[in-house]
Amino acid sequence: MFLNKKINAVSYGEVLFDVFGEEKKIGGAPLNLALRTASFGFPVAMISAVGNDGDGKVICDYVRENQLDTSGIMTTRDYDTGIVQVTLNERGSATYEIKFPSAWDFIEINNDTLNIVKNADVFFFGSLICRNDISRNTLFSLLDSNSGMFKVFDVNLRKPFYNIELLEQLMNKADFIKFNDEEILEIASELGFKSDNLEDNMQFISEKTNTKSICVTLGKHGSLLLWEGKIYQHGGYPVKVADTVGAGDSFLASLIAQLLSNRKPDKAMDFASAVGAIVASKAGANPIITSSDIDMFTGKTFS
């Protein structure tokens, strides 16, 4: 399934509980990325913050049980563990009400986080974590602390917690940017590029930010990938959607794991599309998925 698992991954950002009515599920895009990457057998560390409360303890216990390095998850007495109210429409698409402030808004840099990042080969980060100065400043310090790691920016826009100046700064730090189709059109337009053609928008962002690798997810219509100067397309896998929470995170984690372990881009997209579709067909962001599940779903063998 993977040709090289000696890739140290780090994910930076929010860990929290997604609340669906009366039900709570552990989530946060960076944590979802970390959990899916670790599920494939890669060494993964999570950098975040939780409150000194029951929710924080549950998250830390869960993260350890799922083989993540938790030395970068700090506990603060001043703020509660993050909570997000999730509302699903009739198609399973989610909208979010994100509590502010939360513990993950106050991630501070320290020797533990610096040592984790020093040994990283790939570093995942998003834009939501930058809504507060403390976590934003820590992110930029960590991004600058290891010039050799592959920096993956998961755009993941959540209103009102972003602006074009911040997004441009983050894109300029990245080696790989993942958008959905609405996000890339919005951002490219804000930067002065007016076109509905997604491939043209990808080329524009690539040149504007000097980012050679870009992926755009298209929901049920699949995805596009710019990799080593060539654009690849995958039509996706049709499924009955339970909810879309975490599907894009699992897609991205799977794609990066495949690409960095020396899989061909078209094979990497096929694998990632399958994983993302399986997640969308199940409730919650982090269902257990085995290699046999993926092979059975696709009718192919990825080993």
Protein backbone atom coordinates (compact mmCIF):
# COMPACT_ATOMS: atom_id res chain seq x y z
CA MET A 1 0.00 0.00 0.00
CA PHE A 2 2.91 2.35 0.80
CA LEU A 3 6.46 2.03 -0.51
CA ASN A 4 8.06 4.02 2.33
CA LYS A 5 6.64 4.40 5.83
CA LYS A 6 9.76 6.06 7.31
CA ILE A 7 8.17 9.49 6.97
CA ASN A 8 7.72 11.52 10.16
CA ALA A 9 4.51 13.55 10.03
CA VAL A 10 3.42 16.44 12.25
CA SER A 11 -0.02 18.00 12.33
CA TYR A 12 -0.53 21.42 13.90
CA GLY A 13 -3.83 22.96 14.93
CA GLU A 14 -7.20 22.42 16.52
CA VAL A 15 -8.30 19.36 18.47
CA LEU A 16 -11.90 19.45 19.63
CA PHE A 17 -15.28 17.80 19.94
CA ASP A 18 -17.75 18.01 17.08
CA VAL A 19 -21.24 18.12 18.59
CA PHE A 20 -24.08 16.66 16.53
CA GLY A 21 -27.23 17.35 18.56
CA GLU A 22 -26.78 15.19 21.66
CA GLU A 23 -23.78 13.30 20.27
CA LYS A 24 -20.10 14.33 20.61
CA LYS A 25 -17.30 13.06 18.40
CA ILE A 26 -13.58 13.85 18.53
CA GLY A 27 -12.45 15.94 15.57
CA GLY A 28 -10.72 19.00 14.19
CA ALA A 29 -9.24 18.91 10.69
CA PRO A 30 -5.57 18.72 11.81
CA LEU A 31 -6.37 15.89 14.22
CA ASN A 32 -8.33 14.07 11.52
CA LEU A 33 -5.31 14.36 9.23
CA ALA A 34 -3.03 13.03 11.96
CA LEU A 35 -5.28 10.11 12.85
CA ARG A 36 -5.73 8.97 9.25
CA THR A 37 -1.99 9.23 8.55
CA ALA A 38 -1.16 7.25 11.68
CA SER A 39 -3.74 4.61 10.74
CA PHE A 40 -1.53 3.76 7.75
CA GLY A 41 1.45 3.06 10.02
CA PHE A 42 3.36 6.33 9.72
CA PRO A 43 4.89 7.98 12.82
CA VAL A 44 2.75 11.06 13.57
CA ALA A 45 2.88 13.79 16.22
CA MET A 46 0.06 16.19 17.07
CA ILE A 47 0.73 19.76 18.22
CA SER A 48 -2.26 21.44 19.87
CA ALA A 49 -3.79 22.42 23.21
CA VAL A 50 -6.68 21.18 25.35
CA GLY A 51 -8.31 22.45 28.50
CA ASN A 52 -7.76 21.01 31.96
CA ASP A 53 -11.15 19.30 31.77
CA GLY A 54 -12.84 16.01 31.03
CA ASP A 55 -13.05 16.64 27.29
CA GLY A 56 -9.32 17.32 27.15
CA LYS A 57 -8.50 14.10 28.98
CA VAL A 58 -10.74 12.09 26.67
CA ILE A 59 -9.06 13.57 23.59
CA CYS A 60 -5.53 12.94 24.89
CA ASP A 61 -6.37 9.37 25.85
CA TYR A 62 -7.94 8.77 22.44
CA VAL A 63 -4.95 10.25 20.63
CA ARG A 64 -2.53 8.05 22.54
CA GLU A 65 -4.66 4.96 21.89
CA ASN A 66 -4.42 5.75 18.17
CA GLN A 67 -0.62 5.79 18.21
CA LEU A 68 -0.04 9.55 17.99
CA ASP A 69 2.82 11.28 19.79
CA THR A 70 1.05 13.55 22.31
CA SER A 71 4.11 15.36 23.68
CA GLY A 72 3.12 18.42 21.62
CA ILE A 73 -0.41 18.64 23.09
CA MET A 74 -0.33 21.09 25.98
CA THR A 75 -2.94 21.57 28.70
CA THR A 76 -4.13 25.01 29.75
CA ARG A 77 -6.12 25.85 32.88
CA ASP A 78 -7.41 29.12 31.42
CA TYR A 79 -9.50 27.86 28.49
CA ASP A 80 -11.81 24.94 27.79
CA THR A 81 -11.23 22.19 25.26
CA GLY A 82 -12.64 23.17 21.88
CA ILE A 83 -16.27 22.56 20.94
CA VAL A 84 -17.89 22.85 17.50
CA GLN A 85 -21.63 22.67 16.93
CA VAL A 86 -22.17 20.80 13.64
CA THR A 87 -25.37 21.04 11.62
CA LEU A 88 -25.99 18.64 8.74
CA ASN A 89 -28.34 19.38 5.85
CA GLU A 90 -30.40 16.77 3.99
CA ARG A 91 -27.37 15.88 1.80
CA GLY A 92 -25.08 15.32 4.78
CA SER A 93 -23.12 18.54 4.18
CA ALA A 94 -22.00 20.28 7.34
CA THR A 95 -22.00 23.82 8.68
CA TYR A 96 -20.07 24.74 11.82
CA GLU A 97 -20.38 27.01 14.85
CA ILE A 98 -16.90 27.14 16.37
CA LYS A 99 -16.55 28.22 20.01
CA PHE A 100 -14.12 31.07 20.70
CA PRO A 101 -11.93 31.20 22.68
CA SER A 102 -10.85 27.58 23.03
CA ALA A 103 -7.69 25.99 24.37
CA TRP A 104 -6.31 25.43 20.86
CA ASP A 105 -6.29 29.19 20.25
CA PHE A 106 -3.41 29.39 22.75
CA ILE A 107 -0.76 26.96 21.52
CA GLU A 108 2.62 28.20 22.72
CA ILE A 109 6.00 27.28 21.30
CA ASN A 110 8.31 25.28 23.58
CA ASN A 111 11.20 22.82 23.43
CA ASP A 112 8.87 19.86 22.92
CA THR A 113 7.21 21.36 19.85
CA LEU A 114 10.51 22.58 18.41
CA ASN A 115 12.06 19.11 18.78
CA ILE A 116 9.04 17.48 17.16
CA VAL A 117 9.18 19.79 14.15
CA LYS A 118 12.97 19.51 13.86
CA ASN A 119 12.54 15.83 13.00
CA ALA A 120 9.50 16.23 10.73
CA ASP A 121 9.43 15.22 7.08
CA VAL A 122 5.89 16.54 6.47
CA PHE A 123 3.97 19.25 8.36
CA PHE A 124 0.20 19.72 8.06
CA PHE A 125 -1.41 23.06 8.92
CA GLY A 126 -4.61 24.97 8.20
CA SER A 127 -6.00 28.49 8.31
CA LEU A 128 -8.48 28.22 11.21
CA ILE A 129 -5.70 27.90 13.79
CA CYS A 130 -4.61 31.43 12.88
CA ARG A 131 -7.75 33.10 14.24
CA ASN A 132 -5.86 34.00 17.45
CA ASP A 133 -2.43 35.68 17.62
CA ILE A 134 -0.80 33.17 19.96
CA SER A 135 -1.44 30.04 17.90
CA ARG A 136 -0.79 31.95 14.66
CA ASN A 137 2.62 33.22 15.83
CA THR A 138 3.55 29.72 17.01
CA LEU A 139 2.61 28.32 13.61
CA PHE A 140 4.81 30.74 11.71
CA SER A 141 7.72 30.10 14.08
CA LEU A 142 7.40 26.35 13.60
CA LEU A 143 7.10 26.66 9.82
CA ASP A 144 10.37 28.61 9.79
CA SER A 145 12.16 26.20 12.15
CA ASN A 146 12.65 23.40 9.59
CA SER A 147 13.23 24.41 5.99
CA GLY A 148 13.54 20.80 4.83
CA MET A 149 10.09 19.50 5.72
CA PHE A 150 7.26 19.27 3.18
CA LYS A 151 4.66 21.83 4.25
CA VAL A 152 1.03 20.97 3.47
CA PHE A 153 -1.55 23.77 3.77
CA ASP A 154 -5.13 22.56 4.15
CA VAL A 155 -7.04 25.79 3.43
CA ASN A 156 -10.31 24.76 5.14
CA LEU A 157 -11.98 28.20 5.22
CA ARG A 158 -14.30 28.93 8.14
CA LYS A 159 -15.99 32.34 8.20
CA PRO A 160 -15.26 34.81 9.76
CA PHE A 161 -11.82 33.50 10.74
CA TYR A 162 -9.70 34.42 7.73
CA ASN A 163 -8.70 37.24 5.37
CA ILE A 164 -6.87 37.29 2.07
CA GLU A 165 -3.67 38.74 3.54
CA LEU A 166 -3.37 35.85 6.00
CA LEU A 167 -4.19 33.25 3.36
CA GLU A 168 -1.55 34.63 1.02
CA GLN A 169 1.05 34.46 3.79
CA LEU A 170 0.15 30.85 4.53
CA MET A 171 0.17 29.86 0.86
CA ASN A 172 3.62 31.39 0.47
CA LYS A 173 4.87 29.09 3.24
CA ALA A 174 3.47 25.93 1.65
CA ASP A 175 4.89 23.27 -0.66
CA PHE A 176 1.43 21.80 -1.22
CA ILE A 177 -1.99 23.49 -0.98
CA LYS A 178 -5.33 21.72 -0.80
CA PHE A 179 -8.54 23.65 -1.66
CA ASN A 180 -12.08 22.71 -2.45
CA ASP A 181 -13.46 24.20 -5.66
CA GLU A 182 -15.28 27.06 -3.93
CA GLU A 183 -12.22 28.02 -1.89
CA ILE A 184 -9.80 28.29 -4.81
CA LEU A 185 -12.23 30.39 -6.84
CA GLU A 186 -12.84 32.74 -3.90
CA ILE A 187 -9.15 33.15 -3.08
CA ALA A 188 -7.95 33.54 -6.67
CA SER A 189 -10.65 36.15 -7.25
CA GLU A 190 -9.55 38.08 -4.15
CA LEU A 191 -6.02 38.04 -5.58
CA GLY A 192 -7.26 39.53 -8.86
CA PHE A 193 -7.70 36.45 -11.06
CA LYS A 194 -11.15 36.26 -12.65
CA SER A 195 -11.85 32.88 -14.24
CA ASP A 196 -14.18 29.95 -13.59
CA ASN A 197 -11.70 27.46 -15.06
CA LEU A 198 -10.28 25.45 -12.15
CA GLU A 199 -7.11 24.40 -13.93
CA ASP A 200 -6.35 28.03 -14.79
CA ASN A 201 -6.95 28.97 -11.15
CA MET A 202 -4.55 26.25 -10.02
CA GLN A 203 -1.84 27.51 -12.35
CA PHE A 204 -2.44 31.08 -11.18
CA ILE A 205 -2.13 30.18 -7.49
CA SER A 206 0.93 28.06 -8.20
CA GLU A 207 2.71 30.94 -9.93
CA LYS A 208 1.45 33.60 -7.50
CA THR A 209 2.64 31.75 -4.38
CA ASN A 210 5.51 29.71 -5.86
CA THR A 211 3.73 26.53 -4.75
CA LYS A 212 4.40 23.71 -7.19
CA SER A 213 1.81 21.23 -5.88
CA ILE A 214 -1.92 21.97 -5.59
CA CYS A 215 -5.00 19.82 -5.13
CA VAL A 216 -8.63 20.86 -5.59
CA THR A 217 -11.44 18.63 -4.36
CA LEU A 218 -14.72 18.71 -6.28
CA GLY A 219 -17.09 16.94 -3.90
CA LYS A 220 -18.86 14.04 -5.60
CA HIS A 221 -17.17 15.01 -8.88
CA GLY A 222 -13.70 13.98 -7.74
CA SER A 223 -10.50 16.02 -7.63
CA LEU A 224 -7.73 17.71 -9.56
CA LEU A 225 -4.01 17.53 -8.74
CA LEU A 226 -1.12 19.65 -9.99
CA TRP A 227 2.03 17.62 -9.39
CA GLU A 228 5.45 18.07 -10.99
CA GLY A 229 4.05 20.38 -13.64
CA LYS A 230 1.20 18.11 -14.77
CA ILE A 231 -2.51 18.19 -13.89
CA TYR A 232 -4.19 14.89 -13.02
CA GLN A 233 -7.93 14.29 -12.60
CA HIS A 234 -9.96 11.66 -10.77
CA GLY A 235 -13.73 11.33 -11.06
CA GLY A 236 -14.25 10.12 -7.49
CA TYR A 237 -16.26 7.17 -6.19
CA PRO A 238 -20.06 7.45 -5.81
CA VAL A 239 -21.39 6.61 -2.35
CA LYS A 240 -24.47 7.19 -0.27
CA VAL A 241 -23.29 10.01 2.02
CA ALA A 242 -23.80 9.64 5.76
CA ASP A 243 -22.01 12.92 6.45
CA THR A 244 -19.11 14.80 4.87
CA VAL A 245 -17.30 15.56 8.15
CA GLY A 246 -13.67 14.47 7.86
CA ALA A 247 -13.93 13.07 4.33
CA GLY A 248 -11.70 15.78 2.87
CA ASP A 249 -9.21 15.35 5.72
CA SER A 250 -8.90 11.61 5.08
CA PHE A 251 -8.59 12.27 1.35
CA LEU A 252 -5.72 14.71 1.93
CA ALA A 253 -3.91 12.51 4.46
CA SER A 254 -4.17 9.53 2.11
CA LEU A 255 -3.00 11.53 -0.91
CA ILE A 256 0.07 12.96 0.83
CA ALA A 257 1.01 9.61 2.35
CA GLN A 258 0.84 8.01 -1.09
CA LEU A 259 2.69 10.78 -2.92
CA LEU A 260 5.52 11.02 -0.40
CA SER A 261 5.98 7.27 -0.28
CA ASN A 262 6.73 7.36 -4.00
CA ARG A 263 3.42 6.31 -5.48
CA LYS A 264 2.52 7.61 -8.94
CA PRO A 265 0.09 10.58 -8.83
CA ASP A 266 -2.77 8.80 -10.59
CA LYS A 267 -2.49 5.83 -8.20
CA ALA A 268 -2.27 8.20 -5.23
CA MET A 269 -5.43 10.02 -6.32
CA ASP A 270 -7.29 6.76 -6.80
CA PHE A 271 -6.37 5.54 -3.33
CA ALA A 272 -7.17 8.89 -1.66
CA SER A 273 -10.50 9.16 -3.48
CA ALA A 274 -11.49 5.73 -2.23
CA VAL A 275 -10.59 6.53 1.38
CA GLY A 276 -12.43 9.86 1.27
CA ALA A 277 -15.53 8.23 -0.20
CA ILE A 278 -15.55 5.48 2.43
CA VAL A 279 -15.33 8.10 5.20
CA ALA A 280 -18.22 10.06 3.66
CA SER A 281 -20.31 6.89 3.62
CA LYS A 282 -19.92 6.47 7.39
CA ALA A 283 -20.91 8.66 10.34
CA GLY A 284 -18.16 10.75 11.92
CA ALA A 285 -14.76 11.95 10.84
CA ASN A 286 -12.55 9.00 11.76
CA PRO A 287 -14.08 5.59 11.05
CA ILE A 288 -11.70 2.65 11.07
CA ILE A 289 -10.73 1.70 7.52
CA THR A 290 -8.57 -1.32 6.72
CA SER A 291 -6.60 -2.09 3.57
CA SER A 292 -9.06 -4.87 2.79
CA ASP A 293 -11.92 -2.36 3.09
CA ILE A 294 -10.25 -0.18 0.47
CA ASP A 295 -9.49 -3.10 -1.86
CA MET A 296 -13.06 -4.39 -1.56
CA PHE A 297 -14.55 -0.94 -2.14
CA THR A 298 -12.51 -0.28 -5.28
CA GLY A 299 -12.18 -3.80 -6.63
CA LYS A 300 -8.43 -3.15 -6.82
CA THR A 301 -5.37 -4.12 -4.80
CA PHE A 302 -3.22 -1.25 -3.51
CA SER A 303 -0.66 -3.34 -1.60
